[in-house]
PDB file of all heavy atoms in Angstrom:
ATOM      1  N   ALA A   1       0.846  -1.188   0.000  1.00  0.00           N
ATOM      2  CA  ALA A   1       0.000   0.000   0.000  1.00  0.00           C
ATOM      3  C   ALA A   1       0.885   1.243   0.000  1.00  0.00           C
ATOM      4  O   ALA A   1       1.748   1.380   0.864  1.00  0.00           O
ATOM      5  CB  ALA A   1      -0.914  -0.001   1.215  1.00  0.00           C
ATOM      6  N   PRO A   2       0.714   2.152  -0.956  1.00  0.00           N
ATOM      7  CA  PRO A   2       1.529   3.371  -0.984  1.00  0.00           C
ATOM      8  C   PRO A   2       1.278   4.227   0.255  1.00  0.00           C
ATOM      9  O   PRO A   2       0.196   4.199   0.845  1.00  0.00           O
ATOM     10  CB  PRO A   2       1.048   4.085  -2.263  1.00  0.00           C
ATOM     11  CG  PRO A   2       0.392   3.016  -3.083  1.00  0.00           C
ATOM     12  CD  PRO A   2      -0.217   2.075  -2.088  1.00  0.00           C
ATOM     13  N   GLY A   3       2.281   5.000   0.642  1.00  0.00           N
ATOM     14  CA  GLY A   3       2.168   5.851   1.814  1.00  0.00           C
ATOM     15  C   GLY A   3       1.081   6.895   1.671  1.00  0.00           C
ATOM     16  O   GLY A   3       0.925   7.508   0.619  1.00  0.00           O
ATOM     17  N   GLY A   4       0.314   7.102   2.736  1.00  0.00           N
ATOM     18  CA  GLY A   4      -0.728   8.125   2.741  1.00  0.00           C
ATOM     19  C   GLY A   4      -1.986   7.742   2.010  1.00  0.00           C
ATOM     20  O   GLY A   4      -2.854   8.589   1.800  1.00  0.00           O
ATOM     21  N   MET A   5      -2.103   6.465   1.604  1.00  0.00           N
ATOM     22  CA  MET A   5      -3.274   6.035   0.838  1.00  0.00           C
ATOM     23  C   MET A   5      -4.077   4.995   1.613  1.00  0.00           C
ATOM     24  O   MET A   5      -3.553   4.308   2.493  1.00  0.00           O
ATOM     25  CB  MET A   5      -2.858   5.458  -0.511  1.00  0.00           C
ATOM     26  CG  MET A   5      -2.398   6.495  -1.519  1.00  0.00           C
ATOM     27  SD  MET A   5      -2.177   5.779  -3.166  1.00  0.00           S
ATOM     28  CE  MET A   5      -2.254   7.269  -4.174  1.00  0.00           C
ATOM     29  N   VAL A   6      -5.347   4.875   1.259  1.00  0.00           N
ATOM     30  CA  VAL A   6      -6.215   3.839   1.811  1.00  0.00           C
ATOM     31  C   VAL A   6      -6.771   3.015   0.662  1.00  0.00           C
ATOM     32  O   VAL A   6      -6.902   3.501  -0.467  1.00  0.00           O
ATOM     33  CB  VAL A   6      -7.369   4.442   2.642  1.00  0.00           C
ATOM     34  CG1 VAL A   6      -6.844   5.166   3.854  1.00  0.00           C
ATOM     35  CG2 VAL A   6      -8.211   5.381   1.790  1.00  0.00           C
ATOM     36  N   ALA A   7      -7.063   1.765   0.951  1.00  0.00           N
ATOM     37  CA  ALA A   7      -7.592   0.858  -0.071  1.00  0.00           C
ATOM     38  C   ALA A   7      -9.097   1.058  -0.221  1.00  0.00           C
ATOM     39  O   ALA A   7      -9.835   1.098   0.769  1.00  0.00           O
ATOM     40  CB  ALA A   7      -7.277  -0.581   0.307  1.00  0.00           C
ATOM     41  N   ILE A   8      -9.533   1.204  -1.457  1.00  0.00           N
ATOM     42  CA  ILE A   8     -10.957   1.358  -1.771  1.00  0.00           C
ATOM     43  C   ILE A   8     -11.399   0.092  -2.494  1.00  0.00           C
ATOM     44  O   ILE A   8     -10.980  -0.162  -3.634  1.00  0.00           O
ATOM     45  CB  ILE A   8     -11.227   2.585  -2.658  1.00  0.00           C
ATOM     46  CG1 ILE A   8     -10.562   3.844  -2.071  1.00  0.00           C
ATOM     47  CG2 ILE A   8     -12.721   2.784  -2.857  1.00  0.00           C
ATOM     48  CD1 ILE A   8     -11.094   4.251  -0.729  1.00  0.00           C
ATOM     49  N   GLU A   9     -12.227  -0.712  -1.841  1.00  0.00           N
ATOM     50  CA  GLU A   9     -12.698  -1.941  -2.475  1.00  0.00           C
ATOM     51  C   GLU A   9     -13.760  -1.614  -3.512  1.00  0.00           C
ATOM     52  O   GLU A   9     -14.744  -0.930  -3.234  1.00  0.00           O
ATOM     53  CB  GLU A   9     -13.271  -2.892  -1.426  1.00  0.00           C
ATOM     54  CG  GLU A   9     -13.715  -4.226  -2.003  1.00  0.00           C
ATOM     55  CD  GLU A   9     -14.200  -5.191  -0.953  1.00  0.00           C
ATOM     56  OE1 GLU A   9     -13.864  -5.001   0.235  1.00  0.00           O
ATOM     57  OE2 GLU A   9     -14.917  -6.150  -1.313  1.00  0.00           O
ATOM     58  N   GLY A  10     -13.561  -2.081  -4.726  1.00  0.00           N
ATOM     59  CA  GLY A  10     -14.457  -1.759  -5.824  1.00  0.00           C
ATOM     60  C   GLY A  10     -15.813  -2.432  -5.711  1.00  0.00           C
ATOM     61  O   GLY A  10     -16.033  -3.314  -4.879  1.00  0.00           O
ATOM     62  N   GLY A  11     -16.724  -2.016  -6.578  1.00  0.00           N
ATOM     63  CA  GLY A  11     -18.071  -2.580  -6.578  1.00  0.00           C
ATOM     64  C   GLY A  11     -19.007  -1.763  -7.437  1.00  0.00           C
ATOM     65  O   GLY A  11     -18.590  -0.913  -8.236  1.00  0.00           O
ATOM     66  N   THR A  12     -20.284  -1.998  -7.260  1.00  0.00           N
ATOM     67  CA  THR A  12     -21.332  -1.342  -8.038  1.00  0.00           C
ATOM     68  C   THR A  12     -21.943  -0.198  -7.231  1.00  0.00           C
ATOM     69  O   THR A  12     -22.095  -0.305  -6.011  1.00  0.00           O
ATOM     70  CB  THR A  12     -22.423  -2.353  -8.409  1.00  0.00           C
ATOM     71  OG1 THR A  12     -21.846  -3.395  -9.188  1.00  0.00           O
ATOM     72  CG2 THR A  12     -23.531  -1.707  -9.222  1.00  0.00           C
ATOM     73  N   PHE A  13     -22.276   0.877  -7.919  1.00  0.00           N
ATOM     74  CA  PHE A  13     -22.942   1.997  -7.250  1.00  0.00           C
ATOM     75  C   PHE A  13     -23.735   2.796  -8.269  1.00  0.00           C
ATOM     76  O   PHE A  13     -23.603   2.599  -9.479  1.00  0.00           O
ATOM     77  CB  PHE A  13     -21.933   2.897  -6.535  1.00  0.00           C
ATOM     78  CG  PHE A  13     -21.216   3.881  -7.430  1.00  0.00           C
ATOM     79  CD1 PHE A  13     -21.425   5.237  -7.282  1.00  0.00           C
ATOM     80  CD2 PHE A  13     -20.340   3.450  -8.424  1.00  0.00           C
ATOM     81  CE1 PHE A  13     -20.761   6.156  -8.094  1.00  0.00           C
ATOM     82  CE2 PHE A  13     -19.678   4.351  -9.226  1.00  0.00           C
ATOM     83  CZ  PHE A  13     -19.890   5.712  -9.067  1.00  0.00           C
ATOM     84  N   THR A  14     -24.573   3.691  -7.774  1.00  0.00           N
ATOM     85  CA  THR A  14     -25.342   4.576  -8.641  1.00  0.00           C
ATOM     86  C   THR A  14     -24.578   5.872  -8.823  1.00  0.00           C
ATOM     87  O   THR A  14     -24.443   6.657  -7.877  1.00  0.00           O
ATOM     88  CB  THR A  14     -26.738   4.862  -8.055  1.00  0.00           C
ATOM     89  OG1 THR A  14     -27.431   3.633  -7.883  1.00  0.00           O
ATOM     90  CG2 THR A  14     -27.532   5.765  -8.987  1.00  0.00           C
ATOM     91  N   MET A  15     -24.061   6.085 -10.027  1.00  0.00           N
ATOM     92  CA  MET A  15     -23.326   7.304 -10.339  1.00  0.00           C
ATOM     93  C   MET A  15     -24.305   8.354 -10.847  1.00  0.00           C
ATOM     94  O   MET A  15     -25.106   8.090 -11.746  1.00  0.00           O
ATOM     95  CB  MET A  15     -22.256   7.016 -11.394  1.00  0.00           C
ATOM     96  CG  MET A  15     -21.396   8.205 -11.753  1.00  0.00           C
ATOM     97  SD  MET A  15     -20.139   7.741 -12.973  1.00  0.00           S
ATOM     98  CE  MET A  15     -19.286   9.312 -13.163  1.00  0.00           C
ATOM     99  N   GLY A  16     -24.234   9.528 -10.274  1.00  0.00           N
ATOM    100  CA  GLY A  16     -25.154  10.586 -10.685  1.00  0.00           C
ATOM    101  C   GLY A  16     -26.054  11.003  -9.536  1.00  0.00           C
ATOM    102  O   GLY A  16     -26.072  10.399  -8.458  1.00  0.00           O
ATOM    103  N   GLN A  17     -26.836  12.026  -9.784  1.00  0.00           N
ATOM    104  CA  GLN A  17     -27.647  12.642  -8.737  1.00  0.00           C
ATOM    105  C   GLN A  17     -29.075  12.131  -8.773  1.00  0.00           C
ATOM    106  O   GLN A  17     -29.688  12.028  -9.836  1.00  0.00           O
ATOM    107  CB  GLN A  17     -27.639  14.161  -8.919  1.00  0.00           C
ATOM    108  CG  GLN A  17     -28.360  14.907  -7.815  1.00  0.00           C
ATOM    109  CD  GLN A  17     -28.465  16.391  -8.116  1.00  0.00           C
ATOM    110  OE1 GLN A  17     -28.360  16.775  -9.267  1.00  0.00           O
ATOM    111  NE2 GLN A  17     -28.673  17.195  -7.099  1.00  0.00           N
ATOM    112  N   VAL A  18     -29.603  11.804  -7.608  1.00  0.00           N
ATOM    113  CA  VAL A  18     -31.009  11.414  -7.517  1.00  0.00           C
ATOM    114  C   VAL A  18     -31.790  12.384  -6.636  1.00  0.00           C
ATOM    115  O   VAL A  18     -32.967  12.204  -6.397  1.00  0.00           O
ATOM    116  CB  VAL A  18     -31.150   9.978  -6.960  1.00  0.00           C
ATOM    117  CG1 VAL A  18     -30.594   8.969  -7.934  1.00  0.00           C
ATOM    118  CG2 VAL A  18     -30.472   9.856  -5.615  1.00  0.00           C
ATOM    119  N   GLN A  19     -31.114  13.418  -6.148  1.00  0.00           N
ATOM    120  CA  GLN A  19     -31.810  14.480  -5.418  1.00  0.00           C
ATOM    121  C   GLN A  19     -32.409  15.444  -6.459  1.00  0.00           C
ATOM    122  O   GLN A  19     -32.252  15.282  -7.660  1.00  0.00           O
ATOM    123  CB  GLN A  19     -30.823  15.223  -4.511  1.00  0.00           C
ATOM    124  CG  GLN A  19     -30.019  14.316  -3.592  1.00  0.00           C
ATOM    125  CD  GLN A  19     -30.854  13.672  -2.509  1.00  0.00           C
ATOM    126  OE1 GLN A  19     -31.871  14.213  -2.106  1.00  0.00           O
ATOM    127  NE2 GLN A  19     -30.428  12.518  -2.044  1.00  0.00           N
ATOM    128  N   ASP A  20     -33.095  16.453  -5.981  1.00  0.00           N
ATOM    129  CA  ASP A  20     -33.702  17.427  -6.893  1.00  0.00           C
ATOM    130  C   ASP A  20     -32.618  18.188  -7.655  1.00  0.00           C
ATOM    131  O   ASP A  20     -31.670  18.702  -7.057  1.00  0.00           O
ATOM    132  CB  ASP A  20     -34.564  18.428  -6.111  1.00  0.00           C
ATOM    133  CG  ASP A  20     -35.777  17.778  -5.490  1.00  0.00           C
ATOM    134  OD1 ASP A  20     -36.197  16.740  -6.016  1.00  0.00           O
ATOM    135  OD2 ASP A  20     -36.289  18.294  -4.481  1.00  0.00           O
ATOM    136  N   ASP A  21     -32.765  18.286  -8.964  1.00  0.00           N
ATOM    137  CA  ASP A  21     -31.802  19.003  -9.804  1.00  0.00           C
ATOM    138  C   ASP A  21     -32.255  20.465  -9.921  1.00  0.00           C
ATOM    139  O   ASP A  21     -32.833  20.880 -10.924  1.00  0.00           O
ATOM    140  CB  ASP A  21     -31.720  18.345 -11.184  1.00  0.00           C
ATOM    141  CG  ASP A  21     -30.584  18.897 -12.029  1.00  0.00           C
ATOM    142  OD1 ASP A  21     -29.833  19.743 -11.512  1.00  0.00           O
ATOM    143  OD2 ASP A  21     -30.452  18.500 -13.190  1.00  0.00           O
ATOM    144  N   VAL A  22     -31.982  21.238  -8.887  1.00  0.00           N
ATOM    145  CA  VAL A  22     -32.481  22.611  -8.839  1.00  0.00           C
ATOM    146  C   VAL A  22     -31.803  23.505  -9.873  1.00  0.00           C
ATOM    147  O   VAL A  22     -32.338  24.558 -10.227  1.00  0.00           O
ATOM    148  CB  VAL A  22     -32.304  23.202  -7.428  1.00  0.00           C
ATOM    149  CG1 VAL A  22     -33.113  22.414  -6.409  1.00  0.00           C
ATOM    150  CG2 VAL A  22     -30.833  23.230  -7.035  1.00  0.00           C
ATOM    151  N   MET A  23     -30.617  23.116 -10.357  1.00  0.00           N
ATOM    152  CA  MET A  23     -29.916  23.915 -11.359  1.00  0.00           C
ATOM    153  C   MET A  23     -30.357  23.557 -12.773  1.00  0.00           C
ATOM    154  O   MET A  23     -30.028  24.255 -13.727  1.00  0.00           O
ATOM    155  CB  MET A  23     -28.402  23.699 -11.228  1.00  0.00           C
ATOM    156  CG  MET A  23     -27.821  24.048  -9.873  1.00  0.00           C
ATOM    157  SD  MET A  23     -27.890  25.812  -9.510  1.00  0.00           S
ATOM    158  CE  MET A  23     -26.601  26.410 -10.592  1.00  0.00           C
ATOM    159  N   PHE A  24     -31.072  22.442 -12.923  1.00  0.00           N
ATOM    160  CA  PHE A  24     -31.541  21.969 -14.234  1.00  0.00           C
ATOM    161  C   PHE A  24     -30.400  21.854 -15.241  1.00  0.00           C
ATOM    162  O   PHE A  24     -30.537  22.212 -16.404  1.00  0.00           O
ATOM    163  CB  PHE A  24     -32.633  22.902 -14.776  1.00  0.00           C
ATOM    164  CG  PHE A  24     -33.887  22.884 -13.944  1.00  0.00           C
ATOM    165  CD1 PHE A  24     -34.142  23.886 -13.026  1.00  0.00           C
ATOM    166  CD2 PHE A  24     -34.801  21.840 -14.052  1.00  0.00           C
ATOM    167  CE1 PHE A  24     -35.281  23.860 -12.236  1.00  0.00           C
ATOM    168  CE2 PHE A  24     -35.937  21.807 -13.265  1.00  0.00           C
ATOM    169  CZ  PHE A  24     -36.190  22.817 -12.355  1.00  0.00           C
ATOM    170  N   ASP A  25     -29.258  21.343 -14.769  1.00  0.00           N
ATOM    171  CA  ASP A  25     -28.134  21.126 -15.674  1.00  0.00           C
ATOM    172  C   ASP A  25     -28.301  19.844 -16.482  1.00  0.00           C
ATOM    173  O   ASP A  25     -27.758  19.718 -17.576  1.00  0.00           O
ATOM    174  CB  ASP A  25     -26.821  21.034 -14.873  1.00  0.00           C
ATOM    175  CG  ASP A  25     -26.379  22.377 -14.339  1.00  0.00           C
ATOM    176  OD1 ASP A  25     -26.718  23.386 -14.985  1.00  0.00           O
ATOM    177  OD2 ASP A  25     -25.698  22.419 -13.309  1.00  0.00           O
ATOM    178  N   TRP A  26     -28.995  18.873 -15.927  1.00  0.00           N
ATOM    179  CA  TRP A  26     -29.209  17.580 -16.587  1.00  0.00           C
ATOM    180  C   TRP A  26     -27.881  16.925 -16.980  1.00  0.00           C
ATOM    181  O   TRP A  26     -27.768  16.300 -18.036  1.00  0.00           O
ATOM    182  CB  TRP A  26     -30.113  17.724 -17.811  1.00  0.00           C
ATOM    183  CG  TRP A  26     -31.490  18.194 -17.476  1.00  0.00           C
ATOM    184  CD1 TRP A  26     -32.000  19.440 -17.706  1.00  0.00           C
ATOM    185  CD2 TRP A  26     -32.514  17.453 -16.813  1.00  0.00           C
ATOM    186  NE1 TRP A  26     -33.286  19.533 -17.225  1.00  0.00           N
ATOM    187  CE2 TRP A  26     -33.635  18.315 -16.678  1.00  0.00           C
ATOM    188  CE3 TRP A  26     -32.609  16.157 -16.311  1.00  0.00           C
ATOM    189  CZ2 TRP A  26     -34.817  17.904 -16.072  1.00  0.00           C
ATOM    190  CZ3 TRP A  26     -33.799  15.754 -15.714  1.00  0.00           C
ATOM    191  CH2 TRP A  26     -34.874  16.620 -15.605  1.00  0.00           C
ATOM    192  N   ASN A  27     -26.872  17.099 -16.162  1.00  0.00           N
ATOM    193  CA  ASN A  27     -25.572  16.481 -16.448  1.00  0.00           C
ATOM    194  C   ASN A  27     -25.189  15.442 -15.393  1.00  0.00           C
ATOM    195  O   ASN A  27     -24.053  14.985 -15.361  1.00  0.00           O
ATOM    196  CB  ASN A  27     -24.478  17.543 -16.556  1.00  0.00           C
ATOM    197  CG  ASN A  27     -24.216  18.249 -15.236  1.00  0.00           C
ATOM    198  OD1 ASN A  27     -24.999  18.143 -14.294  1.00  0.00           O
ATOM    199  ND2 ASN A  27     -23.120  18.984 -15.170  1.00  0.00           N
ATOM    200  N   THR A  28     -26.152  15.106 -14.516  1.00  0.00           N
ATOM    201  CA  THR A  28     -25.873  14.104 -13.481  1.00  0.00           C
ATOM    202  C   THR A  28     -26.959  13.033 -13.470  1.00  0.00           C
ATOM    203  O   THR A  28     -27.423  12.609 -12.418  1.00  0.00           O
ATOM    204  CB  THR A  28     -25.782  14.772 -12.095  1.00  0.00           C
ATOM    205  OG1 THR A  28     -26.998  15.482 -11.833  1.00  0.00           O
ATOM    206  CG2 THR A  28     -24.606  15.718 -12.017  1.00  0.00           C
ATOM    207  N   THR A  29     -27.358  12.595 -14.642  1.00  0.00           N
ATOM    208  CA  THR A  29     -28.387  11.566 -14.748  1.00  0.00           C
ATOM    209  C   THR A  29     -27.900  10.268 -14.094  1.00  0.00           C
ATOM    210  O   THR A  29     -26.784   9.829 -14.365  1.00  0.00           O
ATOM    211  CB  THR A  29     -28.728  11.289 -16.220  1.00  0.00           C
ATOM    212  OG1 THR A  29     -29.086  12.522 -16.846  1.00  0.00           O
ATOM    213  CG2 THR A  29     -29.873  10.303 -16.350  1.00  0.00           C
ATOM    214  N   PRO A  30     -28.688   9.647 -13.226  1.00  0.00           N
ATOM    215  CA  PRO A  30     -28.228   8.433 -12.523  1.00  0.00           C
ATOM    216  C   PRO A  30     -27.891   7.296 -13.489  1.00  0.00           C
ATOM    217  O   PRO A  30     -28.631   7.027 -14.438  1.00  0.00           O
ATOM    218  CB  PRO A  30     -29.423   8.069 -11.643  1.00  0.00           C
ATOM    219  CG  PRO A  30     -30.214   9.322 -11.512  1.00  0.00           C
ATOM    220  CD  PRO A  30     -30.033  10.064 -12.792  1.00  0.00           C
ATOM    221  N   GLN A  31     -26.759   6.655 -13.250  1.00  0.00           N
ATOM    222  CA  GLN A  31     -26.312   5.504 -14.037  1.00  0.00           C
ATOM    223  C   GLN A  31     -25.732   4.469 -13.082  1.00  0.00           C
ATOM    224  O   GLN A  31     -25.034   4.817 -12.125  1.00  0.00           O
ATOM    225  CB  GLN A  31     -25.223   5.914 -15.036  1.00  0.00           C
ATOM    226  CG  GLN A  31     -25.549   7.119 -15.897  1.00  0.00           C
ATOM    227  CD  GLN A  31     -26.438   6.764 -17.076  1.00  0.00           C
ATOM    228  OE1 GLN A  31     -26.791   5.603 -17.249  1.00  0.00           O
ATOM    229  NE2 GLN A  31     -26.777   7.741 -17.885  1.00  0.00           N
ATOM    230  N   THR A  32     -25.983   3.200 -13.347  1.00  0.00           N
ATOM    231  CA  THR A  32     -25.370   2.135 -12.553  1.00  0.00           C
ATOM    232  C   THR A  32     -23.996   1.826 -13.128  1.00  0.00           C
ATOM    233  O   THR A  32     -23.865   1.518 -14.320  1.00  0.00           O
ATOM    234  CB  THR A  32     -26.240   0.869 -12.566  1.00  0.00           C
ATOM    235  OG1 THR A  32     -27.522   1.180 -12.018  1.00  0.00           O
ATOM    236  CG2 THR A  32     -25.602  -0.226 -11.712  1.00  0.00           C
ATOM    237  N   MET A  33     -22.971   1.939 -12.296  1.00  0.00           N
ATOM    238  CA  MET A  33     -21.586   1.759 -12.740  1.00  0.00           C
ATOM    239  C   MET A  33     -20.864   0.761 -11.835  1.00  0.00           C
ATOM    240  O   MET A  33     -21.212   0.599 -10.665  1.00  0.00           O
ATOM    241  CB  MET A  33     -20.829   3.094 -12.703  1.00  0.00           C
ATOM    242  CG  MET A  33     -21.199   4.058 -13.795  1.00  0.00           C
ATOM    243  SD  MET A  33     -20.534   3.551 -15.381  1.00  0.00           S
ATOM    244  CE  MET A  33     -21.185   4.880 -16.410  1.00  0.00           C
ATOM    245  N   HIS A  34     -19.830   0.148 -12.408  1.00  0.00           N
ATOM    246  CA  HIS A  34     -18.943  -0.714 -11.619  1.00  0.00           C
ATOM    247  C   HIS A  34     -17.544  -0.112 -11.637  1.00  0.00           C
ATOM    248  O   HIS A  34     -17.042   0.302 -12.686  1.00  0.00           O
ATOM    249  CB  HIS A  34     -18.890  -2.134 -12.186  1.00  0.00           C
ATOM    250  CG  HIS A  34     -18.033  -3.052 -11.365  1.00  0.00           C
ATOM    251  ND1 HIS A  34     -18.521  -3.791 -10.313  1.00  0.00           N
ATOM    252  CD2 HIS A  34     -16.694  -3.325 -11.416  1.00  0.00           C
ATOM    253  CE1 HIS A  34     -17.546  -4.483  -9.761  1.00  0.00           C
ATOM    254  NE2 HIS A  34     -16.423  -4.220 -10.410  1.00  0.00           N
ATOM    255  N   VAL A  35     -16.911  -0.081 -10.469  1.00  0.00           N
ATOM    256  CA  VAL A  35     -15.567   0.476 -10.321  1.00  0.00           C
ATOM    257  C   VAL A  35     -14.659  -0.587  -9.729  1.00  0.00           C
ATOM    258  O   VAL A  35     -15.044  -1.286  -8.782  1.00  0.00           O
ATOM    259  CB  VAL A  35     -15.594   1.729  -9.408  1.00  0.00           C
ATOM    260  CG1 VAL A  35     -14.185   2.214  -9.118  1.00  0.00           C
ATOM    261  CG2 VAL A  35     -16.403   2.835 -10.054  1.00  0.00           C
ATOM    262  N   ARG A  36     -13.446  -0.708 -10.252  1.00  0.00           N
ATOM    263  CA  ARG A  36     -12.475  -1.655  -9.721  1.00  0.00           C
ATOM    264  C   ARG A  36     -11.807  -1.092  -8.463  1.00  0.00           C
ATOM    265  O   ARG A  36     -11.837   0.099  -8.205  1.00  0.00           O
ATOM    266  CB  ARG A  36     -11.405  -1.988 -10.770  1.00  0.00           C
ATOM    267  CG  ARG A  36     -11.932  -2.699 -11.995  1.00  0.00           C
ATOM    268  CD  ARG A  36     -10.821  -3.399 -12.755  1.00  0.00           C
ATOM    269  NE  ARG A  36     -10.344  -4.570 -12.052  1.00  0.00           N
ATOM    270  CZ  ARG A  36      -9.144  -4.681 -11.498  1.00  0.00           C
ATOM    271  NH1 ARG A  36      -8.288  -3.668 -11.557  1.00  0.00           N
ATOM    272  NH2 ARG A  36      -8.777  -5.785 -10.873  1.00  0.00           N
ATOM    273  N   SER A  37     -11.181  -1.978  -7.708  1.00  0.00           N
ATOM    274  CA  SER A  37     -10.504  -1.564  -6.474  1.00  0.00           C
ATOM    275  C   SER A  37      -9.279  -0.712  -6.790  1.00  0.00           C
ATOM    276  O   SER A  37      -8.613  -0.914  -7.812  1.00  0.00           O
ATOM    277  CB  SER A  37     -10.081  -2.791  -5.669  1.00  0.00           C
ATOM    278  OG  SER A  37     -11.201  -3.572  -5.318  1.00  0.00           O
ATOM    279  N   PHE A  38      -8.969   0.225  -5.902  1.00  0.00           N
ATOM    280  CA  PHE A  38      -7.828   1.119  -6.103  1.00  0.00           C
ATOM    281  C   PHE A  38      -7.417   1.712  -4.761  1.00  0.00           C
ATOM    282  O   PHE A  38      -8.138   1.615  -3.769  1.00  0.00           O
ATOM    283  CB  PHE A  38      -8.164   2.230  -7.101  1.00  0.00           C
ATOM    284  CG  PHE A  38      -9.352   3.081  -6.708  1.00  0.00           C
ATOM    285  CD1 PHE A  38      -9.172   4.297  -6.058  1.00  0.00           C
ATOM    286  CD2 PHE A  38     -10.645   2.674  -6.996  1.00  0.00           C
ATOM    287  CE1 PHE A  38     -10.254   5.075  -5.702  1.00  0.00           C
ATOM    288  CE2 PHE A  38     -11.745   3.445  -6.635  1.00  0.00           C
ATOM    289  CZ  PHE A  38     -11.551   4.650  -5.991  1.00  0.00           C
ATOM    290  N   TYR A  39      -6.238   2.293  -4.752  1.00  0.00           N
ATOM    291  CA  TYR A  39      -5.765   3.059  -3.595  1.00  0.00           C
ATOM    292  C   TYR A  39      -6.023   4.538  -3.843  1.00  0.00           C
ATOM    293  O   TYR A  39      -5.892   5.027  -4.969  1.00  0.00           O
ATOM    294  CB  TYR A  39      -4.274   2.854  -3.360  1.00  0.00           C
ATOM    295  CG  TYR A  39      -3.888   1.471  -2.889  1.00  0.00           C
ATOM    296  CD1 TYR A  39      -3.130   0.628  -3.696  1.00  0.00           C
ATOM    297  CD2 TYR A  39      -4.258   1.014  -1.623  1.00  0.00           C
ATOM    298  CE1 TYR A  39      -2.765  -0.635  -3.268  1.00  0.00           C
ATOM    299  CE2 TYR A  39      -3.901  -0.246  -1.184  1.00  0.00           C
ATOM    300  CZ  TYR A  39      -3.150  -1.070  -2.007  1.00  0.00           C
ATOM    301  OH  TYR A  39      -2.801  -2.318  -1.572  1.00  0.00           O
ATOM    302  N   MET A  40      -6.356   5.269  -2.776  1.00  0.00           N
ATOM    303  CA  MET A  40      -6.618   6.701  -2.908  1.00  0.00           C
ATOM    304  C   MET A  40      -6.005   7.447  -1.730  1.00  0.00           C
ATOM    305  O   MET A  40      -5.988   6.943  -0.595  1.00  0.00           O
ATOM    306  CB  MET A  40      -8.127   6.965  -2.959  1.00  0.00           C
ATOM    307  CG  MET A  40      -8.501   8.374  -3.378  1.00  0.00           C
ATOM    308  SD  MET A  40     -10.306   8.547  -3.536  1.00  0.00           S
ATOM    309  CE  MET A  40     -10.396   9.844  -4.773  1.00  0.00           C
TER     310      MET A  40
END
């Protein structure tokens, strides 16, 4: 493990916003994504 980093175990999550889009940008549409494990 590199110094100053923590391990992030990958998995599935909902990418994007599901709260009210008060700015009406329509650039955070919810998508189901999978991410691999990494250090951060």
